[in-house]
Every structure is written in structure tokens, then in C-alpha cells.
Amino acid sequence: NSQTGLTANLNMSGTKNWGDGTSNTLTSHTYASAGTYTITCSGSVNSTSTSSGIFKQSSSSPNYYCKEARLVTNLLNKNYAFANCYNLQTIMLSNSVTTISSNCFNNCRGLKAVVLSKNTTTMNDYVFNGCWSIQKIVIPVGVTSLPTYDFYQNFSLKTIVIPAGISSLGSDC
């Protein structure tokens, strides 16, 4: 990103390391120079509107700046956590992630690579709905059902590996 003065919003409590040498408990940070930054946080997702994500993004105010997310804790217990992060390309979930909430990655149009936790047992509705760029998804063995619209409007999806233990598929899955 060549833009300076970009303000990042993080809808989370706790101390944030903003990746530019700044660390505080604020929920927003403005960067002085263009660059690639890794933001880490010791807190949890704040409760706000059900359709607002961890970057305070929504369908009317998408996030264009997050390109990669690596989750080492179970932050996906909030609906819409990464929804509408249009340029999110890669998501990697650690083995501590067991549940993926509704609409978690809904409308992540640039999402190409997804590495789910082998310990994931629950995927809720609309998890990857509208993820136009995903080509392959491997569902972990512990998942027993795929609810409604989990892979709807995934125009590039070529391969989905579904474990033998899946007992139900929701509509338009």
C-alpha cells in the first residue's frame, strides 16, 4: 500500500502491537508511512453490532487492507469476524480453533488459500459464502455437518474434500 496516514481499526480489547513499534490498548492506529505491518493482540473481540467484524468492517464499509490472517487463538467465535475483508488472500487457523462462526469469511472475495485447523469440529452458516477466489477447501475430519450456504457463490471452487463423517449438508452448500 503506497498510501500514508492509513488508519487501522481493530475491534478488540487488550494490548495491540501495531507492527510499527507502537503498542497500546487503543482500538485504532494511524500509520505514519506506507508498508506491510503485522498486528498482534493479546485481547478478545469486543461485542458490537452482529454484522461488524474485527476491523469494524461491514457490508457498507468493507476492509480493503487486510491481506493475510494467522489466528493462533479461537477468535472466530464472533459472527462476521473477517466478513467483507475484500483483499484477504490467505487465512491460516491454528489447532486451537475449533469453531468457525456464521459469516466468518463471508464476501472475502480475494481469499485464495484456506488452511483450516485439524481440530475444527463446527462450521456455522455462510462461513465461506461469496469467496469468489477459493479454488480448494479441505474440510477437517471432525466436522460432521456443513450448514446452509457455506460455499455459495464460490465461483472458482474446483475441489472440496469432504470427510466420510459428514452426516448432513445444508441447502446451497
N, C-alpha and C. Protein backbone atom coordinates (compact mmCIF):
# COMPACT_ATOMS: atom_id res chain seq x y z
N ASN A 1 0.84 -1.18 0.00
CA ASN A 1 0.00 0.00 0.00
C ASN A 1 0.89 1.24 0.00
N SER A 2 0.69 2.12 -0.94
CA SER A 2 1.51 3.33 -1.03
C SER A 2 0.89 4.50 -0.29
N GLN A 3 -0.28 4.30 0.27
CA GLN A 3 -0.98 5.36 0.97
C GLN A 3 -0.40 5.55 2.37
N THR A 4 -0.18 6.79 2.78
CA THR A 4 0.24 7.07 4.15
C THR A 4 -0.96 7.61 4.90
N GLY A 5 -0.88 7.60 6.22
CA GLY A 5 -1.97 8.10 7.02
C GLY A 5 -3.12 7.13 7.12
N LEU A 6 -2.92 5.87 6.74
CA LEU A 6 -3.96 4.86 6.83
C LEU A 6 -4.26 4.56 8.29
N THR A 7 -5.54 4.57 8.64
CA THR A 7 -5.94 4.23 9.99
C THR A 7 -6.49 2.82 10.01
N ALA A 8 -5.91 1.98 10.87
CA ALA A 8 -6.38 0.60 11.06
C ALA A 8 -7.24 0.57 12.31
N ASN A 9 -8.41 -0.04 12.19
CA ASN A 9 -9.31 -0.21 13.33
C ASN A 9 -9.31 -1.68 13.72
N LEU A 10 -9.20 -1.95 14.99
CA LEU A 10 -9.20 -3.33 15.48
C LEU A 10 -10.20 -3.40 16.63
N ASN A 11 -11.30 -4.07 16.38
CA ASN A 11 -12.41 -4.15 17.32
C ASN A 11 -12.12 -5.20 18.39
N MET A 12 -11.02 -4.99 19.12
CA MET A 12 -10.58 -5.96 20.13
C MET A 12 -10.08 -5.24 21.37
N SER A 13 -10.26 -5.91 22.51
CA SER A 13 -9.72 -5.39 23.77
C SER A 13 -8.27 -5.83 23.90
N GLY A 14 -7.61 -5.39 24.93
CA GLY A 14 -6.24 -5.84 25.20
C GLY A 14 -5.20 -4.99 24.52
N THR A 15 -3.95 -5.34 24.75
CA THR A 15 -2.82 -4.63 24.19
C THR A 15 -2.60 -5.04 22.74
N LYS A 16 -2.42 -4.05 21.89
CA LYS A 16 -2.14 -4.30 20.48
C LYS A 16 -0.74 -3.84 20.15
N ASN A 17 -0.01 -4.67 19.44
CA ASN A 17 1.26 -4.28 18.86
C ASN A 17 0.93 -3.99 17.41
N TRP A 18 1.05 -2.75 17.00
CA TRP A 18 0.61 -2.32 15.67
C TRP A 18 1.62 -2.61 14.58
N GLY A 19 2.75 -3.20 14.92
CA GLY A 19 3.72 -3.61 13.91
C GLY A 19 4.66 -2.53 13.44
N ASP A 20 4.57 -1.34 14.00
CA ASP A 20 5.46 -0.24 13.61
C ASP A 20 6.21 0.31 14.81
N GLY A 21 6.31 -0.52 15.87
CA GLY A 21 6.97 -0.08 17.09
C GLY A 21 6.03 0.53 18.10
N THR A 22 4.77 0.67 17.77
CA THR A 22 3.78 1.24 18.66
C THR A 22 2.97 0.12 19.30
N SER A 23 2.75 0.25 20.60
CA SER A 23 1.95 -0.72 21.33
C SER A 23 1.06 0.02 22.32
N ASN A 24 -0.25 -0.30 22.32
CA ASN A 24 -1.18 0.36 23.24
C ASN A 24 -2.48 -0.41 23.31
N THR A 25 -3.45 0.10 24.04
CA THR A 25 -4.74 -0.57 24.18
C THR A 25 -5.84 0.12 23.36
N LEU A 26 -5.48 1.07 22.53
CA LEU A 26 -6.46 1.77 21.70
C LEU A 26 -7.05 0.82 20.65
N THR A 27 -8.18 1.19 20.08
CA THR A 27 -8.80 0.34 19.05
C THR A 27 -8.53 0.84 17.64
N SER A 28 -7.79 1.93 17.49
CA SER A 28 -7.41 2.37 16.15
C SER A 28 -5.99 2.94 16.19
N HIS A 29 -5.35 2.91 15.03
CA HIS A 29 -3.98 3.37 14.92
C HIS A 29 -3.76 3.92 13.51
N THR A 30 -3.10 5.07 13.41
CA THR A 30 -2.78 5.66 12.12
C THR A 30 -1.29 5.50 11.86
N TYR A 31 -0.99 4.95 10.70
CA TYR A 31 0.41 4.69 10.31
C TYR A 31 1.01 5.92 9.65
N ALA A 32 2.26 6.22 10.03
CA ALA A 32 2.94 7.40 9.51
C ALA A 32 3.52 7.16 8.12
N SER A 33 3.82 5.89 7.79
CA SER A 33 4.40 5.61 6.49
C SER A 33 3.78 4.35 5.89
N ALA A 34 3.87 4.26 4.58
CA ALA A 34 3.34 3.10 3.88
C ALA A 34 4.18 1.88 4.21
N GLY A 35 3.57 0.71 4.17
CA GLY A 35 4.32 -0.51 4.45
C GLY A 35 3.42 -1.69 4.72
N THR A 36 4.05 -2.79 5.06
CA THR A 36 3.35 -4.00 5.44
C THR A 36 3.54 -4.18 6.94
N TYR A 37 2.45 -4.31 7.67
CA TYR A 37 2.52 -4.38 9.13
C TYR A 37 1.83 -5.63 9.63
N THR A 38 2.41 -6.24 10.65
CA THR A 38 1.80 -7.38 11.32
C THR A 38 1.26 -6.88 12.65
N ILE A 39 -0.05 -6.98 12.82
CA ILE A 39 -0.71 -6.53 14.05
C ILE A 39 -0.98 -7.75 14.92
N THR A 40 -0.58 -7.68 16.19
CA THR A 40 -0.89 -8.75 17.13
C THR A 40 -1.66 -8.15 18.30
N CYS A 41 -2.50 -8.98 18.91
CA CYS A 41 -3.33 -8.51 20.01
C CYS A 41 -3.46 -9.59 21.06
N SER A 42 -3.38 -9.18 22.32
CA SER A 42 -3.50 -10.12 23.43
C SER A 42 -4.92 -10.24 23.96
N GLY A 43 -5.85 -9.49 23.39
CA GLY A 43 -7.21 -9.44 23.92
C GLY A 43 -8.19 -10.31 23.17
N SER A 44 -9.45 -9.95 23.31
CA SER A 44 -10.52 -10.69 22.65
C SER A 44 -11.38 -9.71 21.86
N VAL A 45 -12.24 -10.25 20.99
CA VAL A 45 -13.10 -9.42 20.16
C VAL A 45 -14.12 -8.72 21.02
N ASN A 46 -14.27 -7.40 20.81
CA ASN A 46 -15.28 -6.63 21.52
C ASN A 46 -16.66 -6.95 20.95
N SER A 47 -17.65 -6.93 21.79
CA SER A 47 -19.03 -7.13 21.32
C SER A 47 -19.57 -5.82 20.79
N THR A 48 -19.96 -5.84 19.53
CA THR A 48 -20.61 -4.68 18.92
C THR A 48 -21.71 -5.22 18.02
N SER A 49 -22.04 -4.50 17.01
CA SER A 49 -23.06 -4.93 16.05
C SER A 49 -22.76 -6.34 15.55
N THR A 50 -23.80 -7.13 15.38
CA THR A 50 -23.61 -8.51 14.94
C THR A 50 -23.03 -8.60 13.54
N SER A 51 -23.14 -7.56 12.74
CA SER A 51 -22.60 -7.62 11.38
C SER A 51 -21.33 -6.78 11.21
N SER A 52 -20.66 -6.45 12.29
CA SER A 52 -19.41 -5.70 12.25
C SER A 52 -18.27 -6.64 12.64
N GLY A 53 -17.22 -6.65 11.83
CA GLY A 53 -16.11 -7.56 12.06
C GLY A 53 -15.03 -7.03 12.97
N ILE A 54 -13.94 -7.78 13.07
CA ILE A 54 -12.88 -7.39 13.99
C ILE A 54 -12.13 -6.14 13.55
N PHE A 55 -12.26 -5.73 12.30
CA PHE A 55 -11.68 -4.48 11.83
C PHE A 55 -12.74 -3.39 11.74
N LYS A 56 -13.88 -3.61 12.37
CA LYS A 56 -15.04 -2.72 12.31
C LYS A 56 -15.59 -2.61 10.89
N GLN A 57 -15.28 -3.61 10.06
CA GLN A 57 -15.76 -3.61 8.69
C GLN A 57 -17.17 -4.19 8.63
N SER A 58 -17.89 -3.81 7.57
CA SER A 58 -19.25 -4.30 7.35
C SER A 58 -19.51 -4.29 5.85
N SER A 59 -20.69 -4.71 5.44
CA SER A 59 -21.01 -4.72 4.01
C SER A 59 -21.02 -3.30 3.44
N SER A 60 -21.36 -2.31 4.24
CA SER A 60 -21.36 -0.93 3.75
C SER A 60 -20.00 -0.24 3.92
N SER A 61 -19.12 -0.84 4.69
CA SER A 61 -17.78 -0.29 4.90
C SER A 61 -16.76 -1.43 4.94
N PRO A 62 -16.43 -2.01 3.76
CA PRO A 62 -15.53 -3.16 3.73
C PRO A 62 -14.10 -2.78 4.09
N ASN A 63 -13.30 -3.80 4.40
CA ASN A 63 -11.88 -3.62 4.69
C ASN A 63 -11.11 -4.04 3.44
N TYR A 64 -10.29 -3.15 2.91
CA TYR A 64 -9.50 -3.43 1.71
C TYR A 64 -8.03 -3.69 2.03
N TYR A 65 -7.62 -3.59 3.29
CA TYR A 65 -6.20 -3.59 3.60
C TYR A 65 -5.67 -4.88 4.19
N CYS A 66 -6.49 -5.66 4.87
CA CYS A 66 -6.02 -6.93 5.45
C CYS A 66 -5.84 -7.94 4.33
N LYS A 67 -4.63 -8.47 4.18
CA LYS A 67 -4.34 -9.43 3.11
C LYS A 67 -4.07 -10.83 3.62
N GLU A 68 -3.66 -10.94 4.89
CA GLU A 68 -3.33 -12.26 5.43
C GLU A 68 -3.69 -12.27 6.91
N ALA A 69 -4.22 -13.40 7.38
CA ALA A 69 -4.54 -13.54 8.80
C ALA A 69 -4.05 -14.90 9.28
N ARG A 70 -3.37 -14.90 10.41
CA ARG A 70 -2.93 -16.13 11.07
C ARG A 70 -3.50 -16.08 12.47
N LEU A 71 -4.42 -16.98 12.76
CA LEU A 71 -5.07 -16.97 14.06
C LEU A 71 -4.51 -18.07 14.92
N VAL A 72 -3.97 -17.67 16.07
CA VAL A 72 -3.41 -18.66 16.99
C VAL A 72 -4.33 -18.91 18.18
N THR A 73 -5.38 -18.13 18.28
CA THR A 73 -6.39 -18.36 19.32
C THR A 73 -7.75 -18.41 18.65
N ASN A 74 -8.75 -18.83 19.39
CA ASN A 74 -10.07 -19.03 18.82
C ASN A 74 -10.84 -17.70 18.76
N LEU A 75 -10.44 -16.81 17.85
CA LEU A 75 -11.11 -15.52 17.67
C LEU A 75 -12.29 -15.62 16.72
N LEU A 76 -12.55 -16.80 16.20
CA LEU A 76 -13.60 -16.94 15.20
C LEU A 76 -14.94 -17.24 15.83
N ASN A 77 -15.08 -16.97 17.15
CA ASN A 77 -16.35 -17.19 17.82
C ASN A 77 -17.28 -15.99 17.64
N LYS A 78 -16.87 -15.00 16.90
CA LYS A 78 -17.70 -13.83 16.61
C LYS A 78 -18.19 -13.91 15.18
N ASN A 79 -19.50 -13.82 15.00
CA ASN A 79 -20.06 -13.78 13.65
C ASN A 79 -19.46 -12.61 12.89
N TYR A 80 -19.22 -12.78 11.61
CA TYR A 80 -18.70 -11.75 10.71
C TYR A 80 -17.27 -11.32 11.03
N ALA A 81 -16.49 -12.12 11.73
CA ALA A 81 -15.15 -11.73 12.16
C ALA A 81 -14.31 -11.14 11.03
N PHE A 82 -14.21 -11.82 9.90
CA PHE A 82 -13.43 -11.33 8.76
C PHE A 82 -14.30 -11.02 7.54
N ALA A 83 -15.61 -11.06 7.70
CA ALA A 83 -16.51 -10.79 6.56
C ALA A 83 -16.20 -9.44 5.94
N ASN A 84 -16.31 -9.38 4.65
CA ASN A 84 -16.11 -8.14 3.89
C ASN A 84 -14.68 -7.62 3.93
N CYS A 85 -13.72 -8.49 4.19
CA CYS A 85 -12.30 -8.15 4.00
C CYS A 85 -11.98 -8.53 2.56
N TYR A 86 -12.24 -7.63 1.65
CA TYR A 86 -12.22 -7.93 0.22
C TYR A 86 -10.87 -8.40 -0.30
N ASN A 87 -9.77 -7.94 0.27
CA ASN A 87 -8.46 -8.31 -0.23
C ASN A 87 -7.76 -9.38 0.61
N LEU A 88 -8.45 -9.94 1.60
CA LEU A 88 -7.88 -11.04 2.39
C LEU A 88 -7.62 -12.20 1.44
N GLN A 89 -6.36 -12.63 1.34
CA GLN A 89 -5.98 -13.67 0.40
C GLN A 89 -5.68 -15.00 1.06
N THR A 90 -5.17 -14.96 2.29
CA THR A 90 -4.74 -16.19 2.97
C THR A 90 -5.24 -16.18 4.40
N ILE A 91 -5.77 -17.32 4.84
CA ILE A 91 -6.17 -17.49 6.22
C ILE A 91 -5.62 -18.82 6.72
N MET A 92 -4.92 -18.78 7.85
CA MET A 92 -4.39 -19.98 8.46
C MET A 92 -4.88 -20.04 9.90
N LEU A 93 -5.48 -21.16 10.28
CA LEU A 93 -6.03 -21.32 11.61
C LEU A 93 -5.19 -22.31 12.40
N SER A 94 -4.82 -21.93 13.62
CA SER A 94 -4.05 -22.84 14.46
C SER A 94 -4.95 -23.96 14.98
N ASN A 95 -4.35 -24.95 15.57
CA ASN A 95 -5.11 -26.11 16.07
C ASN A 95 -6.00 -25.77 17.25
N SER A 96 -5.89 -24.58 17.83
CA SER A 96 -6.78 -24.20 18.92
C SER A 96 -8.15 -23.76 18.42
N VAL A 97 -8.28 -23.52 17.12
CA VAL A 97 -9.56 -23.08 16.56
C VAL A 97 -10.45 -24.29 16.33
N THR A 98 -11.56 -24.35 17.08
CA THR A 98 -12.47 -25.50 16.99
C THR A 98 -13.79 -25.13 16.33
N THR A 99 -14.18 -23.86 16.36
CA THR A 99 -15.46 -23.42 15.82
C THR A 99 -15.26 -22.23 14.89
N ILE A 100 -15.95 -22.26 13.76
CA ILE A 100 -15.96 -21.11 12.85
C ILE A 100 -17.39 -20.60 12.81
N SER A 101 -17.59 -19.39 13.29
CA SER A 101 -18.93 -18.81 13.44
C SER A 101 -19.53 -18.40 12.10
N SER A 102 -20.82 -18.12 12.15
CA SER A 102 -21.58 -17.72 10.96
C SER A 102 -20.97 -16.50 10.28
N ASN A 103 -20.94 -16.55 8.97
CA ASN A 103 -20.47 -15.43 8.15
C ASN A 103 -19.03 -15.04 8.39
N CYS A 104 -18.24 -15.89 8.99
CA CYS A 104 -16.88 -15.54 9.40
C CYS A 104 -16.04 -14.96 8.26
N PHE A 105 -16.09 -15.58 7.09
CA PHE A 105 -15.31 -15.12 5.94
C PHE A 105 -16.22 -14.72 4.77
N ASN A 106 -17.47 -14.41 5.06
CA ASN A 106 -18.45 -14.04 4.05
C ASN A 106 -17.94 -12.84 3.23
N ASN A 107 -18.00 -12.97 1.92
CA ASN A 107 -17.59 -11.91 0.99
C ASN A 107 -16.11 -11.56 1.05
N CYS A 108 -15.27 -12.50 1.41
CA CYS A 108 -13.82 -12.30 1.30
C CYS A 108 -13.45 -12.68 -0.13
N ARG A 109 -13.70 -11.77 -1.04
CA ARG A 109 -13.65 -12.03 -2.47
C ARG A 109 -12.27 -12.41 -2.98
N GLY A 110 -11.21 -11.98 -2.31
CA GLY A 110 -9.86 -12.29 -2.76
C GLY A 110 -9.26 -13.51 -2.09
N LEU A 111 -10.01 -14.15 -1.19
CA LEU A 111 -9.49 -15.29 -0.43
C LEU A 111 -9.16 -16.45 -1.36
N LYS A 112 -7.88 -16.83 -1.40
CA LYS A 112 -7.41 -17.89 -2.29
C LYS A 112 -6.99 -19.13 -1.52
N ALA A 113 -6.35 -18.94 -0.39
CA ALA A 113 -5.79 -20.08 0.36
C ALA A 113 -6.40 -20.14 1.76
N VAL A 114 -6.92 -21.31 2.10
CA VAL A 114 -7.54 -21.53 3.40
C VAL A 114 -6.92 -22.78 4.01
N VAL A 115 -6.33 -22.62 5.19
CA VAL A 115 -5.82 -23.77 5.93
C VAL A 115 -6.61 -23.84 7.23
N LEU A 116 -7.54 -24.80 7.28
CA LEU A 116 -8.39 -24.97 8.46
C LEU A 116 -7.65 -25.78 9.51
N SER A 117 -8.01 -25.57 10.77
CA SER A 117 -7.44 -26.31 11.88
C SER A 117 -7.89 -27.76 11.81
N LYS A 118 -7.00 -28.67 12.10
CA LYS A 118 -7.39 -30.09 12.13
C LYS A 118 -8.35 -30.36 13.28
N ASN A 119 -8.42 -29.44 14.23
CA ASN A 119 -9.31 -29.61 15.39
C ASN A 119 -10.66 -28.92 15.21
N THR A 120 -10.91 -28.32 14.06
CA THR A 120 -12.19 -27.69 13.81
C THR A 120 -13.28 -28.76 13.76
N THR A 121 -14.31 -28.56 14.56
CA THR A 121 -15.42 -29.52 14.60
C THR A 121 -16.74 -28.88 14.19
N THR A 122 -16.82 -27.54 14.23
CA THR A 122 -18.08 -26.86 13.92
C THR A 122 -17.85 -25.74 12.92
N MET A 123 -18.62 -25.79 11.82
CA MET A 123 -18.66 -24.72 10.85
C MET A 123 -20.11 -24.27 10.77
N ASN A 124 -20.37 -23.00 11.03
CA ASN A 124 -21.73 -22.48 11.02
C ASN A 124 -22.12 -21.97 9.63
N ASP A 125 -23.31 -21.40 9.50
CA ASP A 125 -23.85 -20.93 8.22
C ASP A 125 -22.99 -19.84 7.57
N TYR A 126 -22.95 -19.84 6.24
CA TYR A 126 -22.36 -18.79 5.42
C TYR A 126 -20.87 -18.57 5.65
N VAL A 127 -20.13 -19.54 6.14
CA VAL A 127 -18.73 -19.35 6.50
C VAL A 127 -17.90 -18.82 5.33
N PHE A 128 -17.98 -19.46 4.17
CA PHE A 128 -17.19 -19.04 3.00
C PHE A 128 -18.08 -18.54 1.86
N ASN A 129 -19.28 -18.10 2.17
CA ASN A 129 -20.20 -17.58 1.17
C ASN A 129 -19.58 -16.36 0.47
N GLY A 130 -19.64 -16.34 -0.84
CA GLY A 130 -19.14 -15.18 -1.59
C GLY A 130 -17.64 -15.06 -1.66
N CYS A 131 -16.92 -16.13 -1.37
CA CYS A 131 -15.46 -16.12 -1.50
C CYS A 131 -15.12 -16.56 -2.92
N TRP A 132 -15.09 -15.61 -3.82
CA TRP A 132 -15.01 -15.86 -5.25
C TRP A 132 -13.73 -16.54 -5.70
N SER A 133 -12.64 -16.40 -4.98
CA SER A 133 -11.34 -16.85 -5.47
C SER A 133 -10.84 -18.18 -4.92
N ILE A 134 -11.51 -18.74 -3.92
CA ILE A 134 -11.06 -20.02 -3.35
C ILE A 134 -11.17 -21.11 -4.41
N GLN A 135 -10.09 -21.89 -4.54
CA GLN A 135 -10.09 -22.98 -5.50
C GLN A 135 -10.21 -24.35 -4.84
N LYS A 136 -9.73 -24.47 -3.59
CA LYS A 136 -9.74 -25.77 -2.92
C LYS A 136 -9.95 -25.58 -1.42
N ILE A 137 -10.79 -26.43 -0.85
CA ILE A 137 -11.00 -26.45 0.60
C ILE A 137 -11.00 -27.89 1.06
N VAL A 138 -10.29 -28.14 2.15
CA VAL A 138 -10.28 -29.46 2.77
C VAL A 138 -10.99 -29.33 4.12
N ILE A 139 -12.11 -30.01 4.26
CA ILE A 139 -12.89 -29.96 5.50
C ILE A 139 -12.24 -30.91 6.51
N PRO A 140 -11.96 -30.45 7.73
CA PRO A 140 -11.34 -31.31 8.74
C PRO A 140 -12.23 -32.51 9.09
N VAL A 141 -11.60 -33.59 9.50
CA VAL A 141 -12.28 -34.85 9.81
C VAL A 141 -13.33 -34.70 10.90
N GLY A 142 -13.11 -33.82 11.87
CA GLY A 142 -14.03 -33.67 13.00
C GLY A 142 -15.35 -32.98 12.67
N VAL A 143 -15.45 -32.34 11.51
CA VAL A 143 -16.68 -31.65 11.11
C VAL A 143 -17.69 -32.70 10.65
N THR A 144 -18.90 -32.64 11.21
CA THR A 144 -19.92 -33.64 10.87
C THR A 144 -21.07 -33.08 10.04
N SER A 145 -21.17 -31.75 9.93
CA SER A 145 -22.21 -31.18 9.08
C SER A 145 -21.74 -29.87 8.47
N LEU A 146 -22.23 -29.61 7.28
CA LEU A 146 -21.96 -28.34 6.60
C LEU A 146 -23.31 -27.65 6.43
N PRO A 147 -23.50 -26.55 7.15
CA PRO A 147 -24.80 -25.87 7.14
C PRO A 147 -25.06 -25.08 5.85
N THR A 148 -26.09 -24.32 5.89
CA THR A 148 -26.60 -23.55 4.75
C THR A 148 -25.58 -22.55 4.21
N TYR A 149 -25.45 -22.53 2.90
CA TYR A 149 -24.68 -21.53 2.16
C TYR A 149 -23.20 -21.43 2.52
N ASP A 150 -22.59 -22.46 3.05
CA ASP A 150 -21.18 -22.36 3.41
C ASP A 150 -20.27 -22.08 2.22
N PHE A 151 -20.61 -22.58 1.05
CA PHE A 151 -19.75 -22.40 -0.13
C PHE A 151 -20.51 -21.80 -1.31
N TYR A 152 -21.58 -21.10 -1.01
CA TYR A 152 -22.40 -20.48 -2.05
C TYR A 152 -21.64 -19.34 -2.71
N GLN A 153 -21.76 -19.17 -3.99
CA GLN A 153 -21.10 -18.14 -4.78
C GLN A 153 -19.58 -18.24 -4.70
N ASN A 154 -19.07 -19.45 -4.65
CA ASN A 154 -17.62 -19.68 -4.73
C ASN A 154 -17.32 -20.06 -6.18
N PHE A 155 -17.21 -19.07 -7.03
CA PHE A 155 -17.13 -19.25 -8.46
C PHE A 155 -15.87 -19.98 -8.92
N SER A 156 -14.79 -19.91 -8.17
CA SER A 156 -13.54 -20.54 -8.57
C SER A 156 -13.31 -21.90 -7.92
N LEU A 157 -14.19 -22.31 -7.02
CA LEU A 157 -14.00 -23.56 -6.27
C LEU A 157 -13.99 -24.75 -7.22
N LYS A 158 -12.86 -25.45 -7.25
CA LYS A 158 -12.70 -26.62 -8.11
C LYS A 158 -12.69 -27.91 -7.31
N THR A 159 -12.18 -27.83 -6.07
CA THR A 159 -12.04 -29.05 -5.26
C THR A 159 -12.49 -28.78 -3.84
N ILE A 160 -13.34 -29.66 -3.33
CA ILE A 160 -13.71 -29.63 -1.92
C ILE A 160 -13.59 -31.06 -1.40
N VAL A 161 -12.77 -31.23 -0.39
CA VAL A 161 -12.55 -32.55 0.19
C VAL A 161 -13.42 -32.64 1.44
N ILE A 162 -14.40 -33.54 1.38
CA ILE A 162 -15.37 -33.71 2.47
C ILE A 162 -15.09 -35.04 3.15
N PRO A 163 -14.87 -35.04 4.47
CA PRO A 163 -14.58 -36.29 5.17
C PRO A 163 -15.78 -37.23 5.22
N ALA A 164 -15.51 -38.50 5.41
CA ALA A 164 -16.56 -39.53 5.44
C ALA A 164 -17.57 -39.29 6.55
N GLY A 165 -17.19 -38.59 7.63
CA GLY A 165 -18.07 -38.41 8.77
C GLY A 165 -19.15 -37.35 8.60
N ILE A 166 -19.22 -36.68 7.46
CA ILE A 166 -20.25 -35.65 7.23
C ILE A 166 -21.60 -36.34 7.16
N SER A 167 -22.52 -35.92 8.04
CA SER A 167 -23.84 -36.56 8.08
C SER A 167 -24.93 -35.67 7.46
N SER A 168 -24.65 -34.37 7.28
CA SER A 168 -25.68 -33.52 6.66
C SER A 168 -25.03 -32.36 5.92
N LEU A 169 -25.69 -32.00 4.81
CA LEU A 169 -25.29 -30.84 4.01
C LEU A 169 -26.47 -29.89 3.96
N GLY A 170 -26.23 -28.63 4.28
CA GLY A 170 -27.29 -27.64 4.24
C GLY A 170 -27.64 -27.24 2.82
N SER A 171 -28.71 -26.49 2.67
CA SER A 171 -29.13 -26.06 1.33
C SER A 171 -28.09 -25.11 0.73
N ASP A 172 -27.93 -25.20 -0.57
CA ASP A 172 -26.99 -24.36 -1.32
C ASP A 172 -25.59 -24.37 -0.74
N CYS A 173 -25.22 -25.51 -0.20
CA CYS A 173 -23.89 -25.65 0.38
C CYS A 173 -22.88 -25.73 -0.73
